[in-house]
Amino acid sequence: MTNGIDTGNLSSALYSGVQGYNQGAEQVKKAAVDLSSANNPDREKPININQSAVELISGNLQAEASARVIKTADETLGTIIDTFA
């Protein structure tokens, strides 16, 4: 707690945002690789193009939402710094 403000929740929000962003980015990467190799005849198992497209969009939305969490935590920290500086 700093000057009566619990910064633990702020750092937790920032950490969650970064984790969520990384997971979303990884999901997008995997879906993009799957989609790009869908027509490869040497591929061991077939790709469900519809599912990969949904995973691509879902990962993108997760990354965008997590980026908003990071931005909000950053703005909140900036406000706290401005208030006590």
N, C-alpha and C. Protein backbone atom coordinates (compact mmCIF):
# COMPACT_ATOMS: atom_id res chain seq x y z
N MET A 1 0.85 -1.16 0.00
CA MET A 1 0.00 0.00 0.00
C MET A 1 0.90 1.23 0.00
N THR A 2 0.64 2.16 -0.90
CA THR A 2 1.43 3.37 -1.02
C THR A 2 0.53 4.58 -0.79
N ASN A 3 0.84 5.36 0.21
CA ASN A 3 0.04 6.56 0.52
C ASN A 3 -1.44 6.26 0.60
N GLY A 4 -1.78 5.12 1.19
CA GLY A 4 -3.18 4.76 1.35
C GLY A 4 -3.81 4.13 0.12
N ILE A 5 -3.04 3.88 -0.92
CA ILE A 5 -3.57 3.29 -2.15
C ILE A 5 -3.00 1.89 -2.31
N ASP A 6 -3.88 0.93 -2.51
CA ASP A 6 -3.46 -0.46 -2.70
C ASP A 6 -3.02 -0.64 -4.15
N THR A 7 -1.73 -0.71 -4.37
CA THR A 7 -1.21 -0.86 -5.74
C THR A 7 -1.15 -2.33 -6.16
N GLY A 8 -1.47 -3.25 -5.25
CA GLY A 8 -1.46 -4.67 -5.59
C GLY A 8 -2.48 -5.00 -6.66
N ASN A 9 -3.67 -4.41 -6.57
CA ASN A 9 -4.69 -4.66 -7.58
C ASN A 9 -4.28 -4.11 -8.94
N LEU A 10 -3.59 -2.99 -8.92
CA LEU A 10 -3.13 -2.39 -10.17
C LEU A 10 -2.09 -3.27 -10.85
N SER A 11 -1.13 -3.76 -10.07
CA SER A 11 -0.12 -4.62 -10.67
C SER A 11 -0.73 -5.96 -11.10
N SER A 12 -1.73 -6.42 -10.37
CA SER A 12 -2.43 -7.65 -10.75
C SER A 12 -3.18 -7.46 -12.07
N ALA A 13 -3.81 -6.31 -12.23
CA ALA A 13 -4.52 -6.02 -13.49
C ALA A 13 -3.54 -5.93 -14.65
N LEU A 14 -2.42 -5.29 -14.41
CA LEU A 14 -1.41 -5.17 -15.46
C LEU A 14 -0.87 -6.55 -15.84
N TYR A 15 -0.56 -7.37 -14.84
CA TYR A 15 -0.06 -8.72 -15.10
C TYR A 15 -1.10 -9.55 -15.87
N SER A 16 -2.36 -9.47 -15.45
CA SER A 16 -3.42 -10.21 -16.14
C SER A 16 -3.56 -9.75 -17.58
N GLY A 17 -3.44 -8.44 -17.79
CA GLY A 17 -3.52 -7.91 -19.15
C GLY A 17 -2.41 -8.42 -20.04
N VAL A 18 -1.21 -8.45 -19.50
CA VAL A 18 -0.05 -8.94 -20.28
C VAL A 18 -0.21 -10.43 -20.58
N GLN A 19 -0.61 -11.20 -19.57
CA GLN A 19 -0.82 -12.64 -19.77
C GLN A 19 -1.90 -12.88 -20.82
N GLY A 20 -3.00 -12.17 -20.72
CA GLY A 20 -4.10 -12.33 -21.69
C GLY A 20 -3.67 -11.96 -23.09
N TYR A 21 -2.89 -10.88 -23.20
CA TYR A 21 -2.40 -10.47 -24.51
C TYR A 21 -1.50 -11.55 -25.12
N ASN A 22 -0.59 -12.06 -24.31
CA ASN A 22 0.33 -13.11 -24.80
C ASN A 22 -0.43 -14.36 -25.23
N GLN A 23 -1.44 -14.75 -24.47
CA GLN A 23 -2.24 -15.93 -24.83
C GLN A 23 -3.00 -15.68 -26.13
N GLY A 24 -3.58 -14.49 -26.26
CA GLY A 24 -4.31 -14.16 -27.49
C GLY A 24 -3.39 -14.15 -28.70
N ALA A 25 -2.20 -13.57 -28.53
CA ALA A 25 -1.24 -13.51 -29.63
C ALA A 25 -0.79 -14.91 -30.03
N GLU A 26 -0.58 -15.77 -29.06
CA GLU A 26 -0.18 -17.15 -29.35
C GLU A 26 -1.30 -17.90 -30.08
N GLN A 27 -2.54 -17.66 -29.67
CA GLN A 27 -3.68 -18.30 -30.32
C GLN A 27 -3.80 -17.83 -31.77
N VAL A 28 -3.59 -16.55 -32.01
CA VAL A 28 -3.62 -16.01 -33.37
C VAL A 28 -2.51 -16.64 -34.21
N LYS A 29 -1.32 -16.74 -33.64
CA LYS A 29 -0.19 -17.33 -34.36
C LYS A 29 -0.48 -18.77 -34.76
N LYS A 30 -0.99 -19.56 -33.81
CA LYS A 30 -1.29 -20.97 -34.10
C LYS A 30 -2.36 -21.09 -35.18
N ALA A 31 -3.42 -20.30 -35.06
CA ALA A 31 -4.51 -20.36 -36.04
C ALA A 31 -4.02 -19.93 -37.42
N ALA A 32 -3.17 -18.92 -37.46
CA ALA A 32 -2.63 -18.46 -38.75
C ALA A 32 -1.77 -19.53 -39.40
N VAL A 33 -0.96 -20.21 -38.60
CA VAL A 33 -0.12 -21.29 -39.14
C VAL A 33 -1.01 -22.41 -39.67
N ASP A 34 -2.04 -22.77 -38.89
CA ASP A 34 -2.97 -23.82 -39.33
C ASP A 34 -3.64 -23.43 -40.65
N LEU A 35 -4.12 -22.21 -40.73
CA LEU A 35 -4.80 -21.77 -41.95
C LEU A 35 -3.84 -21.72 -43.15
N SER A 36 -2.62 -21.30 -42.90
CA SER A 36 -1.68 -21.18 -44.02
C SER A 36 -1.23 -22.54 -44.54
N SER A 37 -1.34 -23.56 -43.70
CA SER A 37 -0.91 -24.88 -44.15
C SER A 37 -2.08 -25.83 -44.40
N ALA A 38 -3.28 -25.30 -44.48
CA ALA A 38 -4.47 -26.14 -44.62
C ALA A 38 -4.46 -26.96 -45.91
N ASN A 39 -3.90 -26.42 -46.97
CA ASN A 39 -3.89 -27.13 -48.25
C ASN A 39 -2.61 -27.93 -48.48
N ASN A 40 -1.77 -28.03 -47.48
CA ASN A 40 -0.52 -28.77 -47.62
C ASN A 40 -0.82 -30.28 -47.61
N PRO A 41 -0.54 -30.96 -48.71
CA PRO A 41 -0.85 -32.39 -48.77
C PRO A 41 0.03 -33.25 -47.84
N ASP A 42 1.15 -32.71 -47.40
CA ASP A 42 2.05 -33.45 -46.51
C ASP A 42 1.66 -33.33 -45.05
N ARG A 43 0.64 -32.57 -44.76
CA ARG A 43 0.20 -32.36 -43.38
C ARG A 43 -0.34 -33.67 -42.83
N GLU A 44 0.01 -33.98 -41.57
CA GLU A 44 -0.37 -35.26 -40.98
C GLU A 44 -1.86 -35.39 -40.72
N LYS A 45 -2.48 -34.35 -40.18
CA LYS A 45 -3.92 -34.43 -39.93
C LYS A 45 -4.61 -33.23 -40.57
N PRO A 46 -5.83 -33.41 -41.02
CA PRO A 46 -6.53 -32.33 -41.71
C PRO A 46 -6.88 -31.17 -40.76
N ILE A 47 -7.02 -29.99 -41.32
CA ILE A 47 -7.34 -28.79 -40.56
C ILE A 47 -8.81 -28.45 -40.77
N ASN A 48 -9.49 -28.13 -39.69
CA ASN A 48 -10.85 -27.62 -39.78
C ASN A 48 -10.73 -26.11 -39.99
N ILE A 49 -10.93 -25.67 -41.22
CA ILE A 49 -10.73 -24.27 -41.57
C ILE A 49 -11.67 -23.36 -40.78
N ASN A 50 -12.90 -23.78 -40.60
CA ASN A 50 -13.86 -22.96 -39.85
C ASN A 50 -13.41 -22.77 -38.41
N GLN A 51 -12.97 -23.84 -37.79
CA GLN A 51 -12.52 -23.74 -36.40
C GLN A 51 -11.27 -22.87 -36.29
N SER A 52 -10.35 -23.01 -37.24
CA SER A 52 -9.14 -22.19 -37.22
C SER A 52 -9.47 -20.71 -37.41
N ALA A 53 -10.44 -20.42 -38.26
CA ALA A 53 -10.86 -19.03 -38.47
C ALA A 53 -11.47 -18.46 -37.19
N VAL A 54 -12.28 -19.26 -36.51
CA VAL A 54 -12.87 -18.81 -35.24
C VAL A 54 -11.78 -18.59 -34.20
N GLU A 55 -10.80 -19.48 -34.15
CA GLU A 55 -9.68 -19.33 -33.21
C GLU A 55 -8.89 -18.06 -33.52
N LEU A 56 -8.71 -17.76 -34.79
CA LEU A 56 -8.00 -16.55 -35.20
C LEU A 56 -8.73 -15.31 -34.70
N ILE A 57 -10.03 -15.25 -34.93
CA ILE A 57 -10.82 -14.10 -34.50
C ILE A 57 -10.88 -14.01 -32.98
N SER A 58 -11.07 -15.14 -32.33
CA SER A 58 -11.14 -15.19 -30.87
C SER A 58 -9.83 -14.72 -30.23
N GLY A 59 -8.73 -15.19 -30.74
CA GLY A 59 -7.42 -14.76 -30.23
C GLY A 59 -7.19 -13.28 -30.43
N ASN A 60 -7.63 -12.78 -31.57
CA ASN A 60 -7.49 -11.35 -31.85
C ASN A 60 -8.32 -10.52 -30.86
N LEU A 61 -9.55 -10.95 -30.61
CA LEU A 61 -10.40 -10.24 -29.66
C LEU A 61 -9.82 -10.29 -28.25
N GLN A 62 -9.26 -11.43 -27.87
CA GLN A 62 -8.65 -11.55 -26.55
C GLN A 62 -7.46 -10.60 -26.44
N ALA A 63 -6.64 -10.54 -27.46
CA ALA A 63 -5.48 -9.64 -27.43
C ALA A 63 -5.93 -8.18 -27.35
N GLU A 64 -6.96 -7.81 -28.11
CA GLU A 64 -7.47 -6.44 -28.08
C GLU A 64 -8.02 -6.09 -26.70
N ALA A 65 -8.80 -6.98 -26.11
CA ALA A 65 -9.38 -6.73 -24.79
C ALA A 65 -8.27 -6.61 -23.74
N SER A 66 -7.28 -7.46 -23.83
CA SER A 66 -6.17 -7.42 -22.88
C SER A 66 -5.35 -6.15 -23.05
N ALA A 67 -5.20 -5.69 -24.27
CA ALA A 67 -4.50 -4.42 -24.51
C ALA A 67 -5.25 -3.27 -23.85
N ARG A 68 -6.57 -3.32 -23.86
CA ARG A 68 -7.36 -2.28 -23.18
C ARG A 68 -7.15 -2.34 -21.66
N VAL A 69 -7.03 -3.55 -21.12
CA VAL A 69 -6.76 -3.69 -19.68
C VAL A 69 -5.40 -3.08 -19.35
N ILE A 70 -4.39 -3.36 -20.18
CA ILE A 70 -3.06 -2.80 -19.96
C ILE A 70 -3.11 -1.28 -20.04
N LYS A 71 -3.82 -0.75 -21.03
CA LYS A 71 -3.92 0.70 -21.19
C LYS A 71 -4.59 1.34 -19.99
N THR A 72 -5.66 0.73 -19.51
CA THR A 72 -6.37 1.27 -18.35
C THR A 72 -5.49 1.23 -17.10
N ALA A 73 -4.76 0.15 -16.89
CA ALA A 73 -3.86 0.06 -15.74
C ALA A 73 -2.77 1.13 -15.85
N ASP A 74 -2.26 1.34 -17.05
CA ASP A 74 -1.24 2.36 -17.27
C ASP A 74 -1.79 3.76 -16.98
N GLU A 75 -2.99 4.04 -17.46
CA GLU A 75 -3.60 5.35 -17.21
C GLU A 75 -3.88 5.55 -15.73
N THR A 76 -4.33 4.50 -15.06
CA THR A 76 -4.58 4.59 -13.62
C THR A 76 -3.30 4.87 -12.86
N LEU A 77 -2.24 4.15 -13.22
CA LEU A 77 -0.94 4.40 -12.58
C LEU A 77 -0.48 5.83 -12.83
N GLY A 78 -0.66 6.32 -14.04
CA GLY A 78 -0.30 7.71 -14.35
C GLY A 78 -1.08 8.70 -13.49
N THR A 79 -2.37 8.43 -13.30
CA THR A 79 -3.20 9.29 -12.45
C THR A 79 -2.72 9.26 -11.01
N ILE A 80 -2.38 8.08 -10.51
CA ILE A 80 -1.87 7.97 -9.14
C ILE A 80 -0.56 8.74 -8.99
N ILE A 81 0.32 8.61 -9.95
CA ILE A 81 1.60 9.32 -9.90
C ILE A 81 1.37 10.82 -9.92
N ASP A 82 0.48 11.28 -10.81
CA ASP A 82 0.19 12.71 -10.91
C ASP A 82 -0.42 13.24 -9.62
N THR A 83 -1.25 12.43 -8.97
CA THR A 83 -1.92 12.86 -7.75
C THR A 83 -0.93 13.03 -6.60
N PHE A 84 0.04 12.15 -6.50
CA PHE A 84 0.95 12.18 -5.36
C PHE A 84 2.30 12.81 -5.68
N ALA A 85 2.51 13.27 -6.89
CA ALA A 85 3.79 13.88 -7.25
C ALA A 85 3.83 15.35 -6.86
